[in-house]
N, C-alpha and C. Protein backbone atom coordinates (compact mmCIF):
# COMPACT_ATOMS: atom_id res chain seq x y z
N PHE A 1 116.22 94.18 86.98
CA PHE A 1 114.84 93.78 87.04
C PHE A 1 114.03 94.71 86.15
N PRO A 2 113.13 94.18 85.38
CA PRO A 2 112.29 95.07 84.56
C PRO A 2 111.32 95.86 85.43
N ILE A 3 111.23 97.16 85.16
CA ILE A 3 110.34 98.04 85.89
C ILE A 3 109.48 98.79 84.87
N ASP A 4 108.18 98.77 85.03
CA ASP A 4 107.27 99.50 84.15
C ASP A 4 106.55 100.54 84.98
N ILE A 5 106.81 101.83 84.69
CA ILE A 5 106.29 102.91 85.52
C ILE A 5 105.74 104.03 84.63
N THR A 6 104.67 104.66 85.08
CA THR A 6 104.14 105.86 84.44
C THR A 6 104.19 106.99 85.46
N PHE A 7 104.70 108.16 85.05
CA PHE A 7 104.86 109.29 85.95
C PHE A 7 103.87 110.39 85.62
N LYS A 8 103.38 111.07 86.66
CA LYS A 8 102.51 112.23 86.49
C LYS A 8 102.76 113.17 87.67
N SER A 9 102.97 114.45 87.37
CA SER A 9 103.23 115.42 88.42
C SER A 9 102.97 116.82 87.91
N THR A 10 102.75 117.76 88.82
CA THR A 10 102.61 119.16 88.44
C THR A 10 103.95 119.88 88.51
N ASN A 11 104.93 119.29 89.21
CA ASN A 11 106.25 119.89 89.34
C ASN A 11 107.30 118.80 89.20
N PRO A 12 107.90 118.64 88.02
CA PRO A 12 108.84 117.53 87.80
C PRO A 12 110.26 117.78 88.30
N PHE A 13 110.50 118.84 89.07
CA PHE A 13 111.85 119.13 89.53
C PHE A 13 112.37 118.02 90.45
N GLY A 14 113.54 117.47 90.12
CA GLY A 14 114.19 116.49 90.97
C GLY A 14 113.71 115.06 90.82
N TRP A 15 112.82 114.80 89.89
CA TRP A 15 112.35 113.43 89.69
C TRP A 15 112.38 113.11 88.23
N PRO A 16 112.20 111.99 87.75
CA PRO A 16 112.11 110.73 88.50
C PRO A 16 113.48 110.24 88.92
N GLN A 17 113.53 109.59 90.05
CA GLN A 17 114.76 109.01 90.58
C GLN A 17 114.53 107.56 90.97
N ILE A 18 115.59 106.79 90.91
CA ILE A 18 115.57 105.45 91.47
C ILE A 18 116.50 105.47 92.67
N VAL A 19 115.98 105.04 93.82
CA VAL A 19 116.76 104.96 95.05
C VAL A 19 117.05 103.50 95.33
N LEU A 20 118.32 103.17 95.50
CA LEU A 20 118.73 101.79 95.77
C LEU A 20 119.11 101.64 97.24
N SER A 21 118.64 100.56 97.84
CA SER A 21 119.06 100.15 99.18
C SER A 21 119.51 98.70 99.05
N VAL A 22 120.79 98.47 99.18
CA VAL A 22 121.35 97.13 98.99
C VAL A 22 121.66 96.52 100.36
N TYR A 23 121.13 95.32 100.60
CA TYR A 23 121.35 94.61 101.86
C TYR A 23 122.04 93.29 101.60
N GLY A 24 122.76 92.80 102.61
CA GLY A 24 123.43 91.52 102.51
C GLY A 24 123.84 91.03 103.89
N PRO A 25 124.20 89.76 103.99
CA PRO A 25 124.60 89.21 105.29
C PRO A 25 126.00 89.67 105.70
N ASP A 26 126.19 89.84 107.01
CA ASP A 26 127.53 90.12 107.53
C ASP A 26 128.18 88.82 107.99
N PHE A 27 129.28 88.93 108.71
CA PHE A 27 130.05 87.77 109.16
C PHE A 27 129.22 86.83 110.04
N PHE A 28 128.28 87.42 110.83
CA PHE A 28 127.47 86.63 111.74
C PHE A 28 126.14 86.19 111.14
N GLY A 29 125.89 86.53 109.87
CA GLY A 29 124.64 86.16 109.22
C GLY A 29 123.52 87.16 109.39
N HIS A 30 123.80 88.32 110.00
CA HIS A 30 122.79 89.36 110.14
C HIS A 30 122.61 90.08 108.81
N ASP A 31 121.38 90.45 108.49
CA ASP A 31 121.09 91.19 107.27
C ASP A 31 121.38 92.67 107.53
N VAL A 32 122.44 93.21 106.93
CA VAL A 32 122.85 94.60 107.15
C VAL A 32 122.89 95.35 105.83
N VAL A 33 122.83 96.68 105.94
CA VAL A 33 122.88 97.51 104.74
C VAL A 33 124.29 97.49 104.15
N ARG A 34 124.36 97.30 102.84
CA ARG A 34 125.64 97.30 102.12
C ARG A 34 125.87 98.60 101.37
N GLY A 35 124.79 99.34 101.11
CA GLY A 35 124.95 100.61 100.42
C GLY A 35 123.63 101.25 100.04
N TYR A 36 123.68 102.58 99.92
CA TYR A 36 122.56 103.38 99.43
C TYR A 36 123.05 104.18 98.24
N GLY A 37 122.15 104.47 97.33
CA GLY A 37 122.49 105.31 96.19
C GLY A 37 121.23 105.76 95.48
N ALA A 38 121.35 106.82 94.69
CA ALA A 38 120.21 107.34 93.93
C ALA A 38 120.71 107.89 92.60
N VAL A 39 119.85 107.81 91.59
CA VAL A 39 120.18 108.33 90.27
C VAL A 39 118.90 108.82 89.61
N HIS A 40 119.02 109.90 88.83
CA HIS A 40 117.88 110.39 88.06
C HIS A 40 117.67 109.50 86.85
N VAL A 41 116.42 109.16 86.59
CA VAL A 41 116.08 108.34 85.42
C VAL A 41 116.10 109.24 84.19
N PRO A 42 116.78 108.83 83.12
CA PRO A 42 116.81 109.65 81.90
C PRO A 42 115.40 109.80 81.32
N LEU A 43 115.10 111.00 80.80
CA LEU A 43 113.79 111.26 80.22
C LEU A 43 113.77 111.09 78.71
N MET A 44 114.93 111.06 78.08
CA MET A 44 115.01 110.90 76.63
C MET A 44 114.88 109.43 76.26
N PRO A 45 114.16 109.12 75.17
CA PRO A 45 114.05 107.73 74.74
C PRO A 45 115.41 107.16 74.33
N GLY A 46 115.56 105.86 74.52
CA GLY A 46 116.79 105.19 74.12
C GLY A 46 117.38 104.38 75.26
N ARG A 47 118.58 103.85 75.00
CA ARG A 47 119.28 103.05 75.99
C ARG A 47 120.28 103.93 76.73
N HIS A 48 120.22 103.89 78.04
CA HIS A 48 121.09 104.72 78.89
C HIS A 48 121.74 103.84 79.94
N LYS A 49 122.99 104.14 80.25
CA LYS A 49 123.73 103.40 81.27
C LYS A 49 124.21 104.40 82.31
N ARG A 50 123.89 104.14 83.58
CA ARG A 50 124.29 105.03 84.68
C ARG A 50 125.04 104.24 85.75
N THR A 51 126.08 104.84 86.29
CA THR A 51 126.84 104.24 87.39
C THR A 51 126.51 105.03 88.65
N ILE A 52 126.08 104.32 89.68
CA ILE A 52 125.65 104.94 90.93
C ILE A 52 126.71 104.69 92.00
N ALA A 53 127.20 105.75 92.61
CA ALA A 53 128.13 105.63 93.74
C ALA A 53 127.32 105.26 94.98
N MET A 54 127.70 104.18 95.63
CA MET A 54 126.99 103.70 96.82
C MET A 54 127.72 104.18 98.08
N PHE A 55 126.97 104.38 99.15
CA PHE A 55 127.54 104.80 100.43
C PHE A 55 126.76 104.17 101.56
N VAL A 56 127.39 104.07 102.73
CA VAL A 56 126.73 103.56 103.94
C VAL A 56 126.95 104.57 105.07
N PRO A 57 125.95 104.76 105.94
CA PRO A 57 126.15 105.63 107.10
C PRO A 57 127.07 104.96 108.11
N GLU A 58 127.83 105.76 108.83
CA GLU A 58 128.76 105.25 109.83
C GLU A 58 128.38 105.77 111.22
N SER A 59 128.78 105.01 112.22
CA SER A 59 128.60 105.45 113.61
C SER A 59 129.50 106.64 113.88
N SER A 60 129.11 107.46 114.84
CA SER A 60 129.88 108.67 115.11
C SER A 60 131.06 108.46 116.06
N SER A 61 131.13 107.30 116.73
CA SER A 61 132.26 107.07 117.64
C SER A 61 132.75 105.63 117.49
N ARG A 62 133.95 105.38 117.95
CA ARG A 62 134.55 104.03 117.90
C ARG A 62 133.76 103.05 118.77
N LEU A 63 133.28 103.51 119.92
CA LEU A 63 132.50 102.65 120.81
C LEU A 63 131.20 102.21 120.13
N GLN A 64 130.51 103.15 119.48
CA GLN A 64 129.29 102.80 118.77
C GLN A 64 129.57 101.84 117.61
N GLN A 65 130.70 102.02 116.93
CA GLN A 65 131.08 101.11 115.84
C GLN A 65 131.30 99.70 116.38
N LEU A 66 131.98 99.58 117.50
CA LEU A 66 132.25 98.27 118.10
C LEU A 66 130.95 97.60 118.55
N ILE A 67 130.09 98.34 119.21
CA ILE A 67 128.82 97.79 119.68
C ILE A 67 127.95 97.36 118.50
N SER A 68 127.89 98.17 117.45
CA SER A 68 127.06 97.81 116.29
C SER A 68 127.62 96.60 115.57
N TRP A 69 128.93 96.42 115.57
CA TRP A 69 129.53 95.24 114.92
C TRP A 69 129.16 93.96 115.68
N PHE A 70 129.21 94.01 117.01
CA PHE A 70 128.87 92.83 117.81
C PHE A 70 127.38 92.51 117.78
N THR A 71 126.53 93.53 117.82
CA THR A 71 125.09 93.30 117.86
C THR A 71 124.49 93.08 116.47
N GLY A 72 125.19 93.46 115.42
CA GLY A 72 124.65 93.32 114.06
C GLY A 72 123.66 94.39 113.70
N ARG A 73 123.57 95.43 114.52
CA ARG A 73 122.65 96.54 114.26
C ARG A 73 123.47 97.74 113.81
N ARG A 74 123.73 97.80 112.53
CA ARG A 74 124.52 98.89 111.96
C ARG A 74 123.63 100.09 111.65
N PRO A 75 124.22 101.29 111.56
CA PRO A 75 123.41 102.48 111.24
C PRO A 75 122.78 102.35 109.85
N GLU A 76 121.53 102.76 109.73
CA GLU A 76 120.86 102.78 108.43
C GLU A 76 119.78 103.85 108.44
N PHE A 77 119.40 104.30 107.25
CA PHE A 77 118.35 105.31 107.12
C PHE A 77 116.99 104.65 107.24
N THR A 78 116.07 105.29 107.97
CA THR A 78 114.72 104.76 108.10
C THR A 78 113.82 105.26 106.98
N ASP A 79 114.18 106.37 106.36
CA ASP A 79 113.37 106.96 105.29
C ASP A 79 114.20 107.05 104.01
N PRO A 80 113.78 106.40 102.91
CA PRO A 80 114.56 106.46 101.67
C PRO A 80 114.59 107.85 101.04
N LYS A 81 113.73 108.77 101.47
CA LYS A 81 113.76 110.13 100.94
C LYS A 81 115.07 110.83 101.30
N VAL A 82 115.69 110.43 102.39
CA VAL A 82 116.97 111.03 102.80
C VAL A 82 118.01 110.83 101.70
N VAL A 83 118.01 109.67 101.06
CA VAL A 83 118.96 109.37 100.00
C VAL A 83 118.63 110.17 98.75
N ALA A 84 117.35 110.30 98.40
CA ALA A 84 116.94 110.97 97.18
C ALA A 84 117.08 112.48 97.25
N GLN A 85 116.75 113.08 98.39
CA GLN A 85 116.74 114.53 98.48
C GLN A 85 118.10 115.12 98.81
N GLY A 86 118.82 114.51 99.69
CA GLY A 86 120.13 115.03 100.07
C GLY A 86 120.08 116.11 101.12
N GLU A 87 118.89 116.63 101.44
CA GLU A 87 118.80 117.67 102.47
C GLU A 87 119.05 117.06 103.84
N GLY A 88 119.93 117.67 104.61
CA GLY A 88 120.25 117.18 105.93
C GLY A 88 121.33 116.12 105.94
N ARG A 89 121.76 115.68 104.75
CA ARG A 89 122.79 114.64 104.69
C ARG A 89 124.18 115.19 104.93
N GLU A 90 124.35 116.50 104.87
CA GLU A 90 125.69 117.07 105.06
C GLU A 90 126.19 116.88 106.48
N VAL A 91 125.32 116.57 107.42
CA VAL A 91 125.74 116.33 108.80
C VAL A 91 125.82 114.83 109.12
N THR A 92 125.56 113.99 108.12
CA THR A 92 125.59 112.55 108.31
C THR A 92 126.95 112.01 107.88
N ARG A 93 127.58 111.22 108.72
CA ARG A 93 128.87 110.61 108.40
C ARG A 93 128.62 109.37 107.55
N VAL A 94 129.20 109.33 106.34
CA VAL A 94 129.03 108.19 105.45
C VAL A 94 130.39 107.73 104.93
N ARG A 95 130.41 106.50 104.42
CA ARG A 95 131.62 105.91 103.84
C ARG A 95 131.26 105.38 102.46
N SER A 96 132.13 105.62 101.49
CA SER A 96 131.92 105.12 100.13
C SER A 96 131.96 103.60 100.14
N GLN A 97 131.07 102.98 99.36
CA GLN A 97 130.95 101.52 99.41
C GLN A 97 130.80 100.93 98.02
N GLY A 98 131.49 101.45 97.02
CA GLY A 98 131.47 100.84 95.70
C GLY A 98 130.49 101.48 94.75
N PHE A 99 130.20 100.77 93.66
CA PHE A 99 129.36 101.29 92.60
C PHE A 99 128.38 100.23 92.11
N VAL A 100 127.24 100.70 91.59
CA VAL A 100 126.26 99.83 90.94
C VAL A 100 125.99 100.45 89.57
N THR A 101 125.98 99.63 88.53
CA THR A 101 125.69 100.10 87.18
C THR A 101 124.30 99.65 86.76
N ILE A 102 123.50 100.60 86.28
CA ILE A 102 122.13 100.31 85.85
C ILE A 102 122.00 100.69 84.38
N SER A 103 121.27 99.85 83.66
CA SER A 103 120.98 100.11 82.25
C SER A 103 119.49 100.38 82.09
N PHE A 104 119.14 101.52 81.46
CA PHE A 104 117.76 101.91 81.24
C PHE A 104 117.42 101.78 79.76
N ASN A 105 116.24 101.27 79.46
CA ASN A 105 115.67 101.33 78.12
C ASN A 105 114.41 102.17 78.23
N VAL A 106 114.50 103.42 77.83
CA VAL A 106 113.39 104.36 77.98
C VAL A 106 112.63 104.47 76.66
N MET A 107 111.30 104.37 76.75
CA MET A 107 110.47 104.49 75.55
C MET A 107 109.68 105.79 75.59
């Protein structure tokens, strides 16, 4: 999708980033998270291609996994900053869920 953005900040550390939240239907037709990922946007002009590793949070026990599968309420992040910052994510159980490739044309 074409995105047109202008950035302004006093401290550019750690930005700009694009955070992806991919959703899709499960077996029962519930809209569930398929993956999260983040990538820094290149600052140099030109065409850039980035591959983003996607991941999904997992339940901490087998019972919670079974209940979430039946109810269609799978674990997901409520704040997208968790994906971008990474702070506190070391205690979160996640599973790798594929890749997304993005192409940037930076002017």
